[in-house]
Structure formats: C-alpha cells, structure tokens
Amino acid sequence: MGKYNERTFDDIQIGEKAEFTKTITQTDDTLFAGISGDFNPVHIDEEYAKSTQFKTRIVHGAFTSALISAVLGMKLPGPGCIYGGQEIRFTAPVHFGDTVTAHAEVIKKYTKKDGKLKFLEIKTQVIIDNCVYDPNHNGKVAADGVATILMMK
C-alpha cells in the first residue's frame, strides 16, 4: 500500500463514510482571503457585514467547501485519488468560531474507457456542529453536494 496507505477502486465500498471536523477561526478565514484573493466585505469588514442579512461576518463558502477536500483527500478515499469535480449548494452561513464537520459517503462507483478510468461519486455535506452566533444553526447543513473522484489505482 505504500507509505500513504493508498486504497484502490476495488477497496472502496458503496456506503463507506468518513468525516473531518474543524473549528474555524477568524485567522483561518483571513488567511483564506489572502490565499484566494477573495476580500468580499461580508467576510472581512464587520461594519459592512452588519448591514447584510447575516448581521455579522461569515466564513467564505469556498473555505467551507475546502473542508470537503480534506475529508476526500485524506480519509475517503484518501491519498491516491484526484478530486475531479464538485456540485455544491451553500445552505447556511458559517461563523468564526463555529465547529463544523465535513461528511463524505460513497454513493456510486463506475468506470469509463473499458475500465481504465475509475470513478466514485461521493455525497458531501458540511454540517454545523456548534454555532457560536446562533445555537439554532446547530445541526444545519452549511454545504450540500456531490463530488466526483478519479481513483488512480
């Protein structure tokens, strides 16, 4: 299996699940703004954000979806895969200090080109475990979608 514990297409079973949990800090999101170049004021300017429907700054949606990349690239299927695509909807805001969990579940396996290309479809969700801004957000889905994964082995 090598030093990275790479799994093969045949190793992966429909219904397998994995998750990755993180508490998102303001520093995390500020660094994401610098890396991505997305300085939308709803993320970085509290006075501006107060005038929006959110009433405070929110975490970048793309940062929230990056947690899906973490669960896919490191856990399911993990090293040995290529993140080929993602359909996603952002359905609830995430705030600085919130703890969220990215969930992944294999829902389909298929091949193309006479079996030379091997793909997984993975249901992806980021769920708010603990919202510091509004406890009514606890348990809400912040991001919902399906990822397409190319397996290298």
N, C-alpha and C. Protein backbone atom coordinates (compact mmCIF):
# COMPACT_ATOMS: atom_id res chain seq x y z
N MET A 1 0.80 -1.20 0.00
CA MET A 1 0.00 0.00 0.00
C MET A 1 0.85 1.27 0.00
N GLY A 2 2.12 1.21 0.30
CA GLY A 2 2.97 2.39 0.31
C GLY A 2 2.83 3.18 1.60
N LYS A 3 3.65 4.22 1.70
CA LYS A 3 3.68 4.98 2.95
C LYS A 3 2.44 5.86 3.16
N TYR A 4 1.65 6.05 2.12
CA TYR A 4 0.45 6.87 2.25
C TYR A 4 -0.84 6.07 2.36
N ASN A 5 -0.75 4.77 2.48
CA ASN A 5 -1.93 3.93 2.64
C ASN A 5 -2.97 4.20 1.56
N GLU A 6 -2.51 4.17 0.29
CA GLU A 6 -3.40 4.39 -0.83
C GLU A 6 -4.34 3.21 -1.01
N ARG A 7 -5.60 3.51 -1.14
CA ARG A 7 -6.60 2.47 -1.39
C ARG A 7 -6.88 2.41 -2.88
N THR A 8 -7.35 1.27 -3.32
CA THR A 8 -7.69 1.10 -4.73
C THR A 8 -9.19 1.25 -4.91
N PHE A 9 -9.59 1.39 -6.16
CA PHE A 9 -11.01 1.46 -6.53
C PHE A 9 -11.76 0.26 -5.96
N ASP A 10 -11.14 -0.93 -6.08
CA ASP A 10 -11.79 -2.15 -5.60
C ASP A 10 -11.91 -2.20 -4.08
N ASP A 11 -11.03 -1.47 -3.37
CA ASP A 11 -11.08 -1.44 -1.90
C ASP A 11 -12.28 -0.65 -1.38
N ILE A 12 -12.74 0.30 -2.15
CA ILE A 12 -13.79 1.22 -1.71
C ILE A 12 -15.16 0.60 -1.91
N GLN A 13 -16.01 0.71 -0.90
CA GLN A 13 -17.35 0.13 -0.96
C GLN A 13 -18.42 1.23 -0.92
N ILE A 14 -19.49 1.04 -1.67
CA ILE A 14 -20.63 1.96 -1.59
C ILE A 14 -21.15 1.94 -0.15
N GLY A 15 -21.44 3.11 0.37
CA GLY A 15 -21.91 3.23 1.75
C GLY A 15 -20.82 3.60 2.74
N GLU A 16 -19.55 3.49 2.34
CA GLU A 16 -18.47 3.90 3.25
C GLU A 16 -18.60 5.38 3.57
N LYS A 17 -18.24 5.73 4.81
CA LYS A 17 -18.35 7.11 5.26
C LYS A 17 -17.07 7.55 5.97
N ALA A 18 -16.84 8.85 5.94
CA ALA A 18 -15.73 9.45 6.69
C ALA A 18 -16.11 10.89 7.01
N GLU A 19 -15.38 11.48 7.94
CA GLU A 19 -15.65 12.87 8.29
C GLU A 19 -14.39 13.57 8.76
N PHE A 20 -14.43 14.90 8.70
CA PHE A 20 -13.33 15.76 9.14
C PHE A 20 -13.95 16.94 9.86
N THR A 21 -13.54 17.17 11.11
CA THR A 21 -14.11 18.23 11.93
C THR A 21 -13.07 19.33 12.17
N LYS A 22 -13.54 20.58 12.13
CA LYS A 22 -12.66 21.72 12.37
C LYS A 22 -13.45 22.85 12.99
N THR A 23 -12.84 23.55 13.92
CA THR A 23 -13.35 24.82 14.42
C THR A 23 -12.67 25.90 13.60
N ILE A 24 -13.46 26.72 12.93
CA ILE A 24 -12.91 27.70 12.00
C ILE A 24 -12.70 29.03 12.72
N THR A 25 -11.46 29.48 12.73
CA THR A 25 -11.12 30.74 13.39
C THR A 25 -11.13 31.89 12.38
N GLN A 26 -11.17 33.09 12.92
CA GLN A 26 -11.08 34.27 12.07
C GLN A 26 -9.75 34.27 11.32
N THR A 27 -8.68 33.83 11.97
CA THR A 27 -7.38 33.76 11.32
C THR A 27 -7.41 32.81 10.14
N ASP A 28 -8.05 31.64 10.30
CA ASP A 28 -8.18 30.69 9.18
C ASP A 28 -8.80 31.39 7.97
N ASP A 29 -9.91 32.09 8.21
CA ASP A 29 -10.64 32.70 7.10
C ASP A 29 -9.87 33.89 6.51
N THR A 30 -9.17 34.65 7.36
CA THR A 30 -8.35 35.76 6.85
C THR A 30 -7.24 35.23 5.97
N LEU A 31 -6.60 34.15 6.39
CA LEU A 31 -5.57 33.53 5.55
C LEU A 31 -6.16 33.04 4.24
N PHE A 32 -7.37 32.47 4.29
CA PHE A 32 -8.03 32.01 3.07
C PHE A 32 -8.28 33.20 2.14
N ALA A 33 -8.70 34.34 2.68
CA ALA A 33 -8.93 35.53 1.86
C ALA A 33 -7.63 35.93 1.15
N GLY A 34 -6.52 35.91 1.88
CA GLY A 34 -5.24 36.27 1.28
C GLY A 34 -4.79 35.28 0.22
N ILE A 35 -5.00 34.01 0.47
CA ILE A 35 -4.60 32.98 -0.49
C ILE A 35 -5.48 33.03 -1.74
N SER A 36 -6.78 33.21 -1.54
CA SER A 36 -7.72 33.16 -2.67
C SER A 36 -7.88 34.49 -3.38
N GLY A 37 -7.58 35.59 -2.69
CA GLY A 37 -7.81 36.91 -3.26
C GLY A 37 -9.25 37.38 -3.12
N ASP A 38 -10.07 36.64 -2.38
CA ASP A 38 -11.48 36.99 -2.19
C ASP A 38 -11.61 37.81 -0.91
N PHE A 39 -11.67 39.13 -1.08
CA PHE A 39 -11.80 40.04 0.06
C PHE A 39 -13.20 40.65 0.12
N ASN A 40 -14.21 39.88 -0.28
CA ASN A 40 -15.60 40.34 -0.20
C ASN A 40 -15.83 40.85 1.22
N PRO A 41 -16.38 42.07 1.37
CA PRO A 41 -16.51 42.64 2.71
C PRO A 41 -17.43 41.87 3.65
N VAL A 42 -18.30 41.01 3.15
CA VAL A 42 -19.14 40.22 4.04
C VAL A 42 -18.28 39.25 4.88
N HIS A 43 -17.04 39.02 4.42
CA HIS A 43 -16.12 38.14 5.14
C HIS A 43 -15.11 38.91 5.99
N ILE A 44 -14.78 40.14 5.60
CA ILE A 44 -13.64 40.82 6.25
C ILE A 44 -13.97 42.14 6.93
N ASP A 45 -15.15 42.71 6.69
CA ASP A 45 -15.50 44.02 7.22
C ASP A 45 -16.76 43.91 8.08
N GLU A 46 -16.58 43.94 9.39
CA GLU A 46 -17.70 43.74 10.31
C GLU A 46 -18.78 44.80 10.14
N GLU A 47 -18.39 46.06 9.95
CA GLU A 47 -19.39 47.12 9.78
C GLU A 47 -20.23 46.88 8.53
N TYR A 48 -19.58 46.50 7.45
CA TYR A 48 -20.33 46.17 6.24
C TYR A 48 -21.26 44.97 6.48
N ALA A 49 -20.70 43.92 7.10
CA ALA A 49 -21.46 42.69 7.32
C ALA A 49 -22.69 42.92 8.19
N LYS A 50 -22.61 43.87 9.12
CA LYS A 50 -23.77 44.18 9.98
C LYS A 50 -24.96 44.66 9.16
N SER A 51 -24.69 45.23 7.98
CA SER A 51 -25.77 45.76 7.14
C SER A 51 -26.37 44.69 6.22
N THR A 52 -25.87 43.47 6.30
CA THR A 52 -26.36 42.39 5.45
C THR A 52 -27.37 41.53 6.21
N GLN A 53 -27.97 40.59 5.52
CA GLN A 53 -28.93 39.68 6.16
C GLN A 53 -28.28 38.81 7.22
N PHE A 54 -26.93 38.69 7.18
CA PHE A 54 -26.22 37.83 8.14
C PHE A 54 -25.93 38.52 9.46
N LYS A 55 -25.92 39.87 9.47
CA LYS A 55 -25.74 40.69 10.67
C LYS A 55 -24.35 40.61 11.29
N THR A 56 -23.48 39.81 10.72
CA THR A 56 -22.09 39.70 11.15
C THR A 56 -21.31 39.04 10.01
N ARG A 57 -19.99 39.07 10.13
CA ARG A 57 -19.17 38.44 9.09
C ARG A 57 -19.39 36.93 9.07
N ILE A 58 -19.25 36.35 7.88
CA ILE A 58 -19.38 34.90 7.73
C ILE A 58 -18.14 34.35 7.03
N VAL A 59 -17.91 33.08 7.24
CA VAL A 59 -16.78 32.37 6.62
C VAL A 59 -17.04 32.24 5.12
N HIS A 60 -15.98 32.33 4.33
CA HIS A 60 -16.08 32.12 2.88
C HIS A 60 -16.71 30.75 2.60
N GLY A 61 -17.68 30.70 1.70
CA GLY A 61 -18.25 29.42 1.29
C GLY A 61 -17.20 28.49 0.72
N ALA A 62 -16.27 29.06 -0.06
CA ALA A 62 -15.22 28.23 -0.66
C ALA A 62 -14.30 27.63 0.41
N PHE A 63 -14.11 28.35 1.53
CA PHE A 63 -13.33 27.77 2.63
C PHE A 63 -14.10 26.61 3.25
N THR A 64 -15.39 26.79 3.44
CA THR A 64 -16.22 25.72 3.97
C THR A 64 -16.12 24.48 3.09
N SER A 65 -16.20 24.68 1.77
CA SER A 65 -16.12 23.54 0.86
C SER A 65 -14.72 22.94 0.83
N ALA A 66 -13.71 23.71 1.18
CA ALA A 66 -12.34 23.17 1.22
C ALA A 66 -12.22 22.06 2.27
N LEU A 67 -13.08 22.09 3.28
CA LEU A 67 -13.06 21.03 4.28
C LEU A 67 -13.50 19.70 3.67
N ILE A 68 -14.33 19.78 2.63
CA ILE A 68 -14.69 18.57 1.89
C ILE A 68 -13.45 17.99 1.23
N SER A 69 -12.62 18.86 0.68
CA SER A 69 -11.37 18.41 0.07
C SER A 69 -10.51 17.67 1.09
N ALA A 70 -10.52 18.14 2.33
CA ALA A 70 -9.72 17.50 3.38
C ALA A 70 -10.21 16.07 3.64
N VAL A 71 -11.52 15.89 3.79
CA VAL A 71 -12.03 14.55 4.08
C VAL A 71 -11.81 13.62 2.89
N LEU A 72 -11.97 14.13 1.66
CA LEU A 72 -11.77 13.29 0.48
C LEU A 72 -10.30 12.96 0.28
N GLY A 73 -9.45 13.95 0.36
CA GLY A 73 -8.03 13.75 0.07
C GLY A 73 -7.26 12.99 1.14
N MET A 74 -7.78 13.03 2.37
CA MET A 74 -7.04 12.41 3.47
C MET A 74 -7.69 11.18 4.07
N LYS A 75 -9.02 11.04 3.88
CA LYS A 75 -9.71 9.93 4.55
C LYS A 75 -10.49 9.02 3.60
N LEU A 76 -11.38 9.58 2.79
CA LEU A 76 -12.22 8.74 1.93
C LEU A 76 -12.36 9.38 0.56
N PRO A 77 -11.70 8.87 -0.43
CA PRO A 77 -10.89 7.66 -0.41
C PRO A 77 -9.47 7.86 0.11
N GLY A 78 -9.02 9.13 0.26
CA GLY A 78 -7.70 9.41 0.80
C GLY A 78 -6.64 9.50 -0.28
N PRO A 79 -5.37 9.44 0.12
CA PRO A 79 -4.29 9.53 -0.86
C PRO A 79 -4.48 8.50 -1.98
N GLY A 80 -4.19 8.94 -3.19
CA GLY A 80 -4.38 8.06 -4.34
C GLY A 80 -5.61 8.42 -5.16
N CYS A 81 -6.23 9.53 -4.81
CA CYS A 81 -7.40 9.98 -5.56
C CYS A 81 -7.18 11.38 -6.09
N ILE A 82 -7.96 11.73 -7.10
CA ILE A 82 -7.97 13.08 -7.65
C ILE A 82 -9.39 13.61 -7.53
N TYR A 83 -9.51 14.78 -6.94
CA TYR A 83 -10.81 15.45 -6.77
C TYR A 83 -11.19 16.02 -8.13
N GLY A 84 -12.11 15.35 -8.82
CA GLY A 84 -12.42 15.70 -10.20
C GLY A 84 -13.51 16.73 -10.38
N GLY A 85 -14.37 16.90 -9.41
CA GLY A 85 -15.44 17.87 -9.53
C GLY A 85 -16.33 17.88 -8.32
N GLN A 86 -17.11 18.95 -8.21
CA GLN A 86 -17.98 19.10 -7.06
C GLN A 86 -19.19 19.92 -7.45
N GLU A 87 -20.37 19.36 -7.24
CA GLU A 87 -21.59 20.14 -7.28
C GLU A 87 -21.89 20.49 -5.83
N ILE A 88 -22.19 21.78 -5.58
CA ILE A 88 -22.38 22.18 -4.19
C ILE A 88 -23.38 23.33 -4.09
N ARG A 89 -24.14 23.29 -3.01
CA ARG A 89 -25.02 24.40 -2.64
C ARG A 89 -24.67 24.81 -1.22
N PHE A 90 -24.56 26.12 -1.01
CA PHE A 90 -24.32 26.64 0.33
C PHE A 90 -25.68 27.01 0.92
N THR A 91 -26.03 26.37 2.03
CA THR A 91 -27.40 26.45 2.53
C THR A 91 -27.54 27.12 3.90
N ALA A 92 -26.42 27.38 4.57
CA ALA A 92 -26.45 28.08 5.86
C ALA A 92 -25.09 28.72 6.08
N PRO A 93 -25.06 29.90 6.71
CA PRO A 93 -23.77 30.56 6.95
C PRO A 93 -22.98 29.88 8.06
N VAL A 94 -21.66 29.97 7.93
CA VAL A 94 -20.74 29.51 8.97
C VAL A 94 -20.06 30.76 9.53
N HIS A 95 -19.89 30.80 10.84
CA HIS A 95 -19.32 31.97 11.52
C HIS A 95 -17.96 31.63 12.13
N PHE A 96 -17.16 32.66 12.37
CA PHE A 96 -15.87 32.47 13.04
C PHE A 96 -16.12 31.85 14.41
N GLY A 97 -15.41 30.79 14.70
CA GLY A 97 -15.55 30.08 15.97
C GLY A 97 -16.48 28.88 15.89
N ASP A 98 -17.22 28.75 14.78
CA ASP A 98 -18.10 27.58 14.61
C ASP A 98 -17.27 26.31 14.42
N THR A 99 -17.78 25.23 14.96
CA THR A 99 -17.21 23.91 14.69
C THR A 99 -18.12 23.24 13.67
N VAL A 100 -17.49 22.78 12.59
CA VAL A 100 -18.24 22.13 11.51
C VAL A 100 -17.58 20.80 11.19
N THR A 101 -18.37 19.90 10.60
CA THR A 101 -17.84 18.61 10.18
C THR A 101 -18.19 18.38 8.72
N ALA A 102 -17.16 18.08 7.93
CA ALA A 102 -17.35 17.69 6.53
C ALA A 102 -17.58 16.19 6.51
N HIS A 103 -18.68 15.78 5.89
CA HIS A 103 -19.06 14.37 5.80
C HIS A 103 -18.96 13.90 4.36
N ALA A 104 -18.52 12.67 4.17
CA ALA A 104 -18.42 12.07 2.84
C ALA A 104 -19.00 10.67 2.91
N GLU A 105 -19.78 10.31 1.88
CA GLU A 105 -20.35 8.96 1.79
C GLU A 105 -20.33 8.53 0.33
N VAL A 106 -19.72 7.38 0.07
CA VAL A 106 -19.66 6.85 -1.29
C VAL A 106 -21.06 6.40 -1.70
N ILE A 107 -21.55 6.96 -2.82
CA ILE A 107 -22.90 6.60 -3.27
C ILE A 107 -22.90 5.89 -4.62
N LYS A 108 -21.76 5.91 -5.34
CA LYS A 108 -21.73 5.27 -6.65
C LYS A 108 -20.28 5.02 -7.06
N LYS A 109 -20.09 3.90 -7.77
CA LYS A 109 -18.80 3.57 -8.38
C LYS A 109 -19.06 3.27 -9.85
N TYR A 110 -18.18 3.76 -10.72
CA TYR A 110 -18.33 3.45 -12.14
C TYR A 110 -16.99 3.62 -12.85
N THR A 111 -16.93 3.02 -14.03
CA THR A 111 -15.71 3.11 -14.84
C THR A 111 -16.05 3.67 -16.22
N LYS A 112 -15.01 4.14 -16.89
CA LYS A 112 -15.10 4.61 -18.28
C LYS A 112 -13.89 4.09 -19.02
N LYS A 113 -13.97 4.17 -20.34
CA LYS A 113 -12.86 3.74 -21.22
C LYS A 113 -12.44 2.31 -20.91
N ASP A 114 -13.44 1.41 -20.99
CA ASP A 114 -13.21 -0.02 -20.77
C ASP A 114 -12.53 -0.31 -19.43
N GLY A 115 -12.92 0.42 -18.41
CA GLY A 115 -12.40 0.17 -17.07
C GLY A 115 -11.09 0.86 -16.74
N LYS A 116 -10.53 1.59 -17.70
CA LYS A 116 -9.23 2.26 -17.45
C LYS A 116 -9.38 3.47 -16.52
N LEU A 117 -10.52 4.13 -16.59
CA LEU A 117 -10.79 5.26 -15.69
C LEU A 117 -11.82 4.81 -14.65
N LYS A 118 -11.48 5.04 -13.38
CA LYS A 118 -12.32 4.56 -12.28
C LYS A 118 -12.78 5.75 -11.44
N PHE A 119 -14.09 5.85 -11.25
CA PHE A 119 -14.67 7.00 -10.56
C PHE A 119 -15.53 6.60 -9.37
N LEU A 120 -15.58 7.51 -8.42
CA LEU A 120 -16.51 7.41 -7.29
C LEU A 120 -17.37 8.66 -7.29
N GLU A 121 -18.63 8.51 -6.95
CA GLU A 121 -19.46 9.66 -6.62
C GLU A 121 -19.64 9.62 -5.11
N ILE A 122 -19.40 10.77 -4.49
CA ILE A 122 -19.44 10.84 -3.04
C ILE A 122 -20.37 11.97 -2.61
N LYS A 123 -21.37 11.62 -1.81
CA LYS A 123 -22.26 12.64 -1.24
C LYS A 123 -21.44 13.41 -0.22
N THR A 124 -21.49 14.73 -0.31
CA THR A 124 -20.71 15.58 0.59
C THR A 124 -21.62 16.56 1.31
N GLN A 125 -21.35 16.74 2.57
CA GLN A 125 -22.06 17.74 3.37
C GLN A 125 -21.11 18.33 4.40
N VAL A 126 -21.30 19.61 4.67
CA VAL A 126 -20.65 20.23 5.82
C VAL A 126 -21.77 20.62 6.76
N ILE A 127 -21.71 20.07 7.97
CA ILE A 127 -22.76 20.29 8.97
C ILE A 127 -22.21 21.12 10.11
N ILE A 128 -23.00 22.09 10.55
CA ILE A 128 -22.61 22.94 11.68
C ILE A 128 -22.87 22.16 12.97
N ASP A 129 -21.81 21.84 13.67
CA ASP A 129 -21.92 21.10 14.93
C ASP A 129 -22.21 22.05 16.09
N ASN A 130 -21.49 23.18 16.10
CA ASN A 130 -21.63 24.14 17.20
C ASN A 130 -21.48 25.54 16.63
N CYS A 131 -22.57 26.27 16.56
CA CYS A 131 -22.56 27.64 16.06
C CYS A 131 -22.46 28.61 17.23
N VAL A 132 -21.43 29.43 17.23
CA VAL A 132 -21.25 30.39 18.32
C VAL A 132 -22.18 31.58 18.18
N TYR A 133 -22.67 31.85 16.99
CA TYR A 133 -23.52 33.01 16.73
C TYR A 133 -24.99 32.73 17.03
N ASP A 134 -25.46 31.55 16.64
CA ASP A 134 -26.87 31.20 16.82
C ASP A 134 -27.01 29.70 17.03
N PRO A 135 -27.26 29.26 18.27
CA PRO A 135 -27.38 27.82 18.54
C PRO A 135 -28.47 27.13 17.70
N ASN A 136 -29.41 27.90 17.14
CA ASN A 136 -30.42 27.31 16.27
C ASN A 136 -29.81 26.76 14.98
N HIS A 137 -28.59 27.16 14.68
CA HIS A 137 -27.89 26.66 13.49
C HIS A 137 -27.25 25.29 13.74
N ASN A 138 -27.13 24.88 15.00
CA ASN A 138 -26.52 23.59 15.30
C ASN A 138 -27.28 22.48 14.58
N GLY A 139 -26.55 21.63 13.86
CA GLY A 139 -27.15 20.54 13.12
C GLY A 139 -27.56 20.90 11.70
N LYS A 140 -27.49 22.18 11.35
CA LYS A 140 -27.87 22.59 10.00
C LYS A 140 -26.77 22.24 9.00
N VAL A 141 -27.20 21.96 7.78
CA VAL A 141 -26.27 21.71 6.69
C VAL A 141 -25.83 23.05 6.13
N ALA A 142 -24.53 23.31 6.13
CA ALA A 142 -23.98 24.56 5.59
C ALA A 142 -23.65 24.42 4.11
N ALA A 143 -23.27 23.21 3.68
CA ALA A 143 -22.93 22.95 2.28
C ALA A 143 -23.36 21.53 1.96
N ASP A 144 -23.95 21.37 0.78
CA ASP A 144 -24.53 20.09 0.40
C ASP A 144 -24.20 19.83 -1.06
N GLY A 145 -23.72 18.63 -1.37
CA GLY A 145 -23.40 18.35 -2.77
C GLY A 145 -22.95 16.95 -3.04
N VAL A 146 -22.36 16.78 -4.23
CA VAL A 146 -21.84 15.51 -4.68
C VAL A 146 -20.49 15.76 -5.35
N ALA A 147 -19.49 14.99 -4.94
CA ALA A 147 -18.15 15.08 -5.52
C ALA A 147 -17.91 13.92 -6.49
N THR A 148 -17.13 14.18 -7.51
CA THR A 148 -16.67 13.15 -8.43
C THR A 148 -15.19 12.95 -8.18
N ILE A 149 -14.80 11.71 -7.94
CA ILE A 149 -13.42 11.38 -7.60
C ILE A 149 -12.87 10.40 -8.63
N LEU A 150 -11.69 10.69 -9.13
CA LEU A 150 -10.96 9.78 -10.01
C LEU A 150 -9.98 8.99 -9.15
N MET A 151 -10.10 7.69 -9.18
CA MET A 151 -9.17 6.83 -8.45
C MET A 151 -7.96 6.52 -9.34
N MET A 152 -6.77 6.66 -8.78
CA MET A 152 -5.55 6.44 -9.57
C MET A 152 -5.15 4.97 -9.62
N LYS A 153 -5.70 4.16 -8.72
CA LYS A 153 -5.36 2.72 -8.70
C LYS A 153 -6.61 1.89 -8.69
